[in-house]
C-alpha atoms as a PDB file:
ATOM      1  CA  LEU A   1      14.592  41.970-200.983  1.00  0.00           C
ATOM      2  CA  SER A   2      16.114  40.696-197.760  1.00  0.00           C
ATOM      3  CA  LYS A   3      17.452  42.918-194.987  1.00  0.00           C
ATOM      4  CA  GLU A   4      20.948  41.679-195.799  1.00  0.00           C
ATOM      5  CA  ASP A   5      20.567  42.576-199.504  1.00  0.00           C
ATOM      6  CA  LEU A   6      19.214  45.990-198.571  1.00  0.00           C
ATOM      7  CA  GLN A   7      22.076  46.626-196.159  1.00  0.00           C
ATOM      8  CA  GLN A   8      24.612  45.548-198.771  1.00  0.00           C
ATOM      9  CA  GLY A   9      23.030  47.841-201.361  1.00  0.00           C
ATOM     10  CA  LEU A  10      23.154  50.727-198.897  1.00  0.00           C
ATOM     11  CA  SER A  11      26.629  49.924-197.572  1.00  0.00           C
ATOM     12  CA  GLU A  12      28.302  52.890-199.274  1.00  0.00           C
ATOM     13  CA  ALA A  13      25.648  55.329-197.990  1.00  0.00           C
ATOM     14  CA  ILE A  14      25.810  53.778-194.500  1.00  0.00           C
ATOM     15  CA  GLY A  15      29.604  54.031-194.519  1.00  0.00           C
ATOM     16  CA  ALA A  16      29.363  57.691-195.524  1.00  0.00           C
ATOM     17  CA  GLY A  17      26.989  58.352-192.629  1.00  0.00           C
ATOM     18  CA  LEU A  18      24.072  59.293-194.906  1.00  0.00           C
ATOM     19  CA  VAL A  19      21.779  56.414-193.903  1.00  0.00           C
ATOM     20  CA  GLN A  20      21.376  54.427-190.704  1.00  0.00           C
ATOM     21  CA  SER A  21      19.114  51.669-189.498  1.00  0.00           C
ATOM     22  CA  ARG A  22      16.013  52.628-187.562  1.00  0.00           C
ATOM     23  CA  SER A  23      17.266  50.826-184.446  1.00  0.00           C
ATOM     24  CA  GLU A  24      20.599  52.681-184.597  1.00  0.00           C
ATOM     25  CA  ALA A  25      18.826  56.000-185.054  1.00  0.00           C
ATOM     26  CA  TRP A  26      16.565  55.289-182.074  1.00  0.00           C
ATOM     27  CA  THR A  27      19.474  54.333-179.831  1.00  0.00           C
ATOM     28  CA  GLU A  28      21.397  57.449-180.843  1.00  0.00           C
ATOM     29  CA  LEU A  29      18.439  59.736-180.201  1.00  0.00           C
ATOM     30  CA  GLN A  30      17.039  58.123-177.084  1.00  0.00           C
ATOM     31  CA  GLY A  31      20.119  56.523-175.570  1.00  0.00           C
ATOM     32  CA  TRP A  32      18.305  53.220-175.096  1.00  0.00           C
ATOM     33  CA  THR A  33      16.738  50.375-177.040  1.00  0.00           C
ATOM     34  CA  ASN A  34      13.591  50.985-179.048  1.00  0.00           C
ATOM     35  CA  PRO A  35      10.719  49.434-177.035  1.00  0.00           C
ATOM     36  CA  LEU A  36       8.987  48.403-180.249  1.00  0.00           C
ATOM     37  CA  GLU A  37      12.085  46.534-181.377  1.00  0.00           C
ATOM     38  CA  SER A  38      12.589  44.759-178.071  1.00  0.00           C
ATOM     39  CA  ALA A  39       8.928  43.818-177.720  1.00  0.00           C
ATOM     40  CA  THR A  40       8.397  42.668-181.307  1.00  0.00           C
ATOM     41  CA  SER A  41      11.602  42.058-183.192  1.00  0.00           C
ATOM     42  CA  GLU A  42       9.901  41.964-186.589  1.00  0.00           C
ATOM     43  CA  VAL A  43       8.651  45.537-186.214  1.00  0.00           C
ATOM     44  CA  VAL A  44      11.837  47.250-187.408  1.00  0.00           C
ATOM     45  CA  THR A  45      13.227  44.594-189.742  1.00  0.00           C
ATOM     46  CA  GLY A  46      14.868  46.166-192.756  1.00  0.00           C
ATOM     47  CA  ALA A  47      14.024  49.779-191.866  1.00  0.00           C
ATOM     48  CA  PHE A  48      16.568  52.491-192.660  1.00  0.00           C
ATOM     49  CA  TRP A  49      16.455  56.277-192.252  1.00  0.00           C
ATOM     50  CA  PHE A  50      18.182  59.132-194.018  1.00  0.00           C
ATOM     51  CA  VAL A  51      20.130  61.062-191.384  1.00  0.00           C
ATOM     52  CA  HIS A  52      18.807  64.438-192.593  1.00  0.00           C
ATOM     53  CA  ASP A  53      15.943  65.722-194.750  1.00  0.00           C
ATOM     54  CA  ALA A  54      18.435  67.388-197.103  1.00  0.00           C
ATOM     55  CA  VAL A  55      20.044  64.001-197.783  1.00  0.00           C
ATOM     56  CA  TYR A  56      16.612  62.517-198.414  1.00  0.00           C
ATOM     57  CA  ASP A  57      15.657  65.323-200.809  1.00  0.00           C
ATOM     58  CA  ALA A  58      18.899  64.930-202.725  1.00  0.00           C
ATOM     59  CA  ALA A  59      18.496  61.160-202.893  1.00  0.00           C
ATOM     60  CA  ILE A  60      15.045  61.221-204.422  1.00  0.00           C
ATOM     61  CA  GLY A  61      15.714  64.361-206.447  1.00  0.00           C
ATOM     62  CA  LEU A  62      12.215  65.743-206.046  1.00  0.00           C
ATOM     63  CA  PRO A  63      12.143  69.501-205.426  1.00  0.00           C
ATOM     64  CA  GLY A  64       8.380  70.020-205.108  1.00  0.00           C
ATOM     65  CA  SER A  65       5.958  68.798-202.456  1.00  0.00           C
ATOM     66  CA  SER A  66       3.483  67.348-204.976  1.00  0.00           C
ATOM     67  CA  GLU A  67       6.243  65.301-206.635  1.00  0.00           C
ATOM     68  CA  ARG A  68       7.411  64.185-203.214  1.00  0.00           C
ATOM     69  CA  GLN A  69       3.893  63.078-202.267  1.00  0.00           C
ATOM     70  CA  SER A  70       3.647  61.117-205.525  1.00  0.00           C
ATOM     71  CA  TYR A  71       6.914  59.383-204.664  1.00  0.00           C
ATOM     72  CA  HIS A  72       5.604  58.446-201.217  1.00  0.00           C
ATOM     73  CA  LEU A  73       2.350  57.162-202.710  1.00  0.00           C
ATOM     74  CA  LYS A  74       4.231  54.958-205.174  1.00  0.00           C
ATOM     75  CA  ALA A  75       6.529  53.672-202.435  1.00  0.00           C
ATOM     76  CA  GLY A  76       3.546  53.035-200.157  1.00  0.00           C
ATOM     77  CA  ARG A  77       1.781  51.028-202.852  1.00  0.00           C
ATOM     78  CA  GLN A  78       4.841  48.863-203.425  1.00  0.00           C
ATOM     79  CA  LEU A  79       5.340  48.330-199.702  1.00  0.00           C
ATOM     80  CA  LEU A  80       1.648  47.507-199.253  1.00  0.00           C
ATOM     81  CA  GLU A  81       2.152  44.295-201.221  1.00  0.00           C
ATOM     82  CA  GLU A  82       5.141  43.431-199.039  1.00  0.00           C
ATOM     83  CA  TRP A  83       3.042  44.073-195.915  1.00  0.00           C
ATOM     84  CA  ARG A  84       0.288  41.778-197.190  1.00  0.00           C
ATOM     85  CA  ALA A  85       2.917  39.061-197.589  1.00  0.00           C
ATOM     86  CA  GLU A  86       4.178  39.846-194.059  1.00  0.00           C
ATOM     87  CA  ARG A  87       7.610  40.803-195.367  1.00  0.00           C
ATOM     88  CA  VAL A  88       7.642  44.371-194.070  1.00  0.00           C
ATOM     89  CA  ASP A  89       6.394  45.958-190.877  1.00  0.00           C
ATOM     90  CA  PRO A  90       3.278  48.167-191.001  1.00  0.00           C
ATOM     91  CA  PHE A  91       5.085  51.220-189.612  1.00  0.00           C
ATOM     92  CA  VAL A  92       7.158  51.640-192.767  1.00  0.00           C
ATOM     93  CA  VAL A  93       4.091  51.307-195.002  1.00  0.00           C
ATOM     94  CA  ALA A  94       1.909  53.631-192.942  1.00  0.00           C
ATOM     95  CA  ASP A  95       4.650  56.259-192.789  1.00  0.00           C
ATOM     96  CA  GLN A  96       4.899  56.340-196.588  1.00  0.00           C
ATOM     97  CA  PHE A  97       1.152  56.756-197.039  1.00  0.00           C
ATOM     98  CA  THR A  98       1.041  59.439-194.318  1.00  0.00           C
ATOM     99  CA  GLN A  99       3.164  61.609-196.598  1.00  0.00           C
ATOM    100  CA  ALA A 100       0.643  61.153-199.422  1.00  0.00           C
ATOM    101  CA  LEU A 101      -2.793  61.122-197.771  1.00  0.00           C
ATOM    102  CA  ARG A 102      -4.076  63.912-200.019  1.00  0.00           C
ATOM    103  CA  LEU A 103      -3.462  61.724-203.060  1.00  0.00           C
ATOM    104  CA  LEU A 104      -5.595  58.824-201.825  1.00  0.00           C
ATOM    105  CA  VAL A 105      -8.733  58.797-203.973  1.00  0.00           C
ATOM    106  CA  ASP A 106      -9.563  55.116-204.408  1.00  0.00           C
ATOM    107  CA  PRO A 107     -11.902  54.004-201.585  1.00  0.00           C
ATOM    108  CA  ALA A 108     -10.503  50.448-201.591  1.00  0.00           C
ATOM    109  CA  GLU A 109      -6.936  51.713-201.304  1.00  0.00           C
ATOM    110  CA  THR A 110      -7.964  54.100-198.537  1.00  0.00           C
ATOM    111  CA  ILE A 111      -9.389  51.159-196.591  1.00  0.00           C
ATOM    112  CA  ASP A 112      -6.133  49.249-197.114  1.00  0.00           C
ATOM    113  CA  VAL A 113      -4.193  52.190-195.669  1.00  0.00           C
ATOM    114  CA  ALA A 114      -6.581  52.315-192.701  1.00  0.00           C
ATOM    115  CA  ARG A 115      -5.895  48.585-192.132  1.00  0.00           C
ATOM    116  CA  VAL A 116      -2.147  49.192-192.188  1.00  0.00           C
ATOM    117  CA  ASN A 117      -2.553  51.974-189.623  1.00  0.00           C
ATOM    118  CA  LEU A 118      -4.632  49.656-187.441  1.00  0.00           C
ATOM    119  CA  ASP A 119      -1.916  47.001-187.633  1.00  0.00           C
ATOM    120  CA  ALA A 120       0.752  49.557-186.693  1.00  0.00           C
ATOM    121  CA  GLY A 121      -1.442  50.920-183.896  1.00  0.00           C
ATOM    122  CA  GLU A 122      -2.081  47.461-182.466  1.00  0.00           C
ATOM    123  CA  ARG A 123       1.616  46.582-182.502  1.00  0.00           C
ATOM    124  CA  ALA A 124       2.624  49.849-180.860  1.00  0.00           C
ATOM    125  CA  TYR A 125      -0.160  49.466-178.274  1.00  0.00           C
ATOM    126  CA  GLY A 126       1.026  45.923-177.526  1.00  0.00           C
ATOM    127  CA  ALA A 127       4.516  47.322-176.901  1.00  0.00           C
ATOM    128  CA  ALA A 128       3.062  49.979-174.545  1.00  0.00           C
ATOM    129  CA  ALA A 129       4.131  52.740-176.960  1.00  0.00           C
ATOM    130  CA  PHE A 130       0.796  54.496-176.529  1.00  0.00           C
ATOM    131  CA  GLU A 131       1.636  57.865-178.111  1.00  0.00           C
ATOM    132  CA  THR A 132       2.959  56.094-181.197  1.00  0.00           C
ATOM    133  CA  ALA A 133      -0.103  53.837-181.274  1.00  0.00           C
ATOM    134  CA  LEU A 134      -2.371  56.843-181.028  1.00  0.00           C
ATOM    135  CA  ASP A 135      -0.719  58.518-183.996  1.00  0.00           C
ATOM    136  CA  TYR A 136      -1.430  55.527-186.240  1.00  0.00           C
ATOM    137  CA  LEU A 137      -4.916  54.900-184.872  1.00  0.00           C
ATOM    138  CA  GLU A 138      -5.979  58.520-185.312  1.00  0.00           C
ATOM    139  CA  LYS A 139      -4.740  58.459-188.900  1.00  0.00           C
ATOM    140  CA  GLY A 140      -6.648  55.248-189.477  1.00  0.00           C
ATOM    141  CA  CYS A 141      -9.834  56.714-188.022  1.00  0.00           C
ATOM    142  CA  SER A 142      -9.466  59.825-190.165  1.00  0.00           C
ATOM    143  CA  LEU A 143      -9.610  57.635-193.271  1.00  0.00           C
ATOM    144  CA  ILE A 144     -12.946  56.077-192.313  1.00  0.00           C
ATOM    145  CA  ARG A 145     -15.864  57.566-194.244  1.00  0.00           C
ATOM    146  CA  GLU A 146     -19.494  57.245-193.266  1.00  0.00           C
ATOM    147  CA  SER A 147     -20.043  54.533-195.890  1.00  0.00           C
ATOM    148  CA  ASP A 148     -17.199  52.497-194.381  1.00  0.00           C
ATOM    149  CA  TRP A 149     -19.349  51.868-191.314  1.00  0.00           C
ATOM    150  CA  THR A 150     -21.347  49.685-193.693  1.00  0.00           C
ATOM    151  CA  ASP A 151     -18.686  48.463-196.115  1.00  0.00           C
ATOM    152  CA  ALA A 152     -15.807  47.962-193.642  1.00  0.00           C
ATOM    153  CA  TYR A 153     -17.669  47.823-190.339  1.00  0.00           C
ATOM    154  CA  ASP A 154     -15.269  45.609-188.370  1.00  0.00           C
ATOM    155  CA  LEU A 155     -12.292  47.769-189.329  1.00  0.00           C
ATOM    156  CA  ALA A 156     -14.066  51.030-188.490  1.00  0.00           C
ATOM    157  CA  LEU A 157     -15.274  49.701-185.153  1.00  0.00           C
ATOM    158  CA  ARG A 158     -11.900  48.236-184.154  1.00  0.00           C
ATOM    159  CA  LEU A 159     -10.045  51.450-185.044  1.00  0.00           C
ATOM    160  CA  HIS A 160     -12.383  53.602-182.965  1.00  0.00           C
ATOM    161  CA  ILE A 161     -12.491  51.246-179.967  1.00  0.00           C
ATOM    162  CA  LEU A 162      -8.701  50.945-179.835  1.00  0.00           C
ATOM    163  CA  ALA A 163      -8.294  54.698-180.364  1.00  0.00           C
ATOM    164  CA  ALA A 164     -10.615  55.312-177.411  1.00  0.00           C
ATOM    165  CA  GLU A 165      -8.663  52.871-175.223  1.00  0.00           C
ATOM    166  CA  THR A 166      -5.340  54.372-176.267  1.00  0.00           C
ATOM    167  CA  GLN A 167      -6.537  57.907-175.534  1.00  0.00           C
ATOM    168  CA  LEU A 168      -7.205  56.734-171.969  1.00  0.00           C
ATOM    169  CA  MET A 169      -3.639  55.486-171.672  1.00  0.00           C
ATOM    170  CA  CYS A 170      -2.160  58.831-172.772  1.00  0.00           C
ATOM    171  CA  PRO A 171      -4.406  60.086-170.865  1.00  0.00           C
ATOM    172  CA  ASN A 172      -6.801  62.164-172.969  1.00  0.00           C
ATOM    173  CA  TYR A 173     -10.198  61.533-171.414  1.00  0.00           C
ATOM    174  CA  GLN A 174     -12.345  63.781-173.577  1.00  0.00           C
ATOM    175  CA  ALA A 175     -10.766  62.466-176.776  1.00  0.00           C
ATOM    176  CA  SER A 176     -11.399  58.931-175.526  1.00  0.00           C
ATOM    177  CA  ILE A 177     -15.065  59.783-175.024  1.00  0.00           C
ATOM    178  CA  ASP A 178     -15.222  61.300-178.513  1.00  0.00           C
ATOM    179  CA  PHE A 179     -13.884  58.160-180.217  1.00  0.00           C
ATOM    180  CA  ALA A 180     -16.087  55.916-178.073  1.00  0.00           C
ATOM    181  CA  THR A 181     -19.156  58.011-178.912  1.00  0.00           C
ATOM    182  CA  VAL A 182     -18.542  57.594-182.642  1.00  0.00           C
ATOM    183  CA  ALA A 183     -18.214  53.841-182.162  1.00  0.00           C
ATOM    184  CA  VAL A 184     -21.394  53.608-180.035  1.00  0.00           C
ATOM    185  CA  ASP A 185     -23.350  55.715-182.522  1.00  0.00           C
ATOM    186  CA  HIS A 186     -22.417  53.326-185.330  1.00  0.00           C
ATOM    187  CA  ALA A 187     -22.547  50.033-183.382  1.00  0.00           C
ATOM    188  CA  ARG A 188     -24.820  47.503-185.050  1.00  0.00           C
ATOM    189  CA  ASP A 189     -26.022  45.759-181.930  1.00  0.00           C
ATOM    190  CA  VAL A 190     -25.945  45.644-178.159  1.00  0.00           C
ATOM    191  CA  ILE A 191     -22.901  43.353-178.103  1.00  0.00           C
ATOM    192  CA  ASP A 192     -20.811  45.892-180.031  1.00  0.00           C
ATOM    193  CA  ARG A 193     -22.060  48.759-177.888  1.00  0.00           C
ATOM    194  CA  VAL A 194     -21.058  46.852-174.755  1.00  0.00           C
ATOM    195  CA  ALA A 195     -17.624  46.165-176.319  1.00  0.00           C
ATOM    196  CA  VAL A 196     -17.119  49.925-176.733  1.00  0.00           C
ATOM    197  CA  GLN A 197     -18.210  50.755-173.189  1.00  0.00           C
ATOM    198  CA  ARG A 198     -16.305  48.043-171.329  1.00  0.00           C
END
């Protein structure tokens, strides 16, 4: 589904003021251009927001939180395939899964969600949106289990190193030390330990 097809399908809702593009919402709220959009134009491609939670709730017709989480999980899974094909930005995918973290039970899927959060964190970091980057990186780190330091070592290490660096930029020195300590404790060799401490 292209951005143009999506916009055409949403034209009635956009015209009624129920939905707006992410870039329009950012400009309206902040009064200036989204730094993520200006730094990496693909970041916000095809992203639309409901203008109010009540509109969102009515649109999906899900009264309960568990049903809502199931909806987000299903949407996240569908978007995950689009992200793998580089047709959707990681922010949209990560945001869907964030609303359904309690429903993640498959270890392989959990690792995929951690990868999406790393991608989003790296893009936000590259755009100097450090608080946003930190949000995604912390979520990614929270999904890493002890066994992942064996099964998905590179991912676990990268998440924790970048989280430590991003904490410094915020600046949250103790939190930076905490993430770095986890990475050092799990580093496989001297080279990786040096990478954490640089």
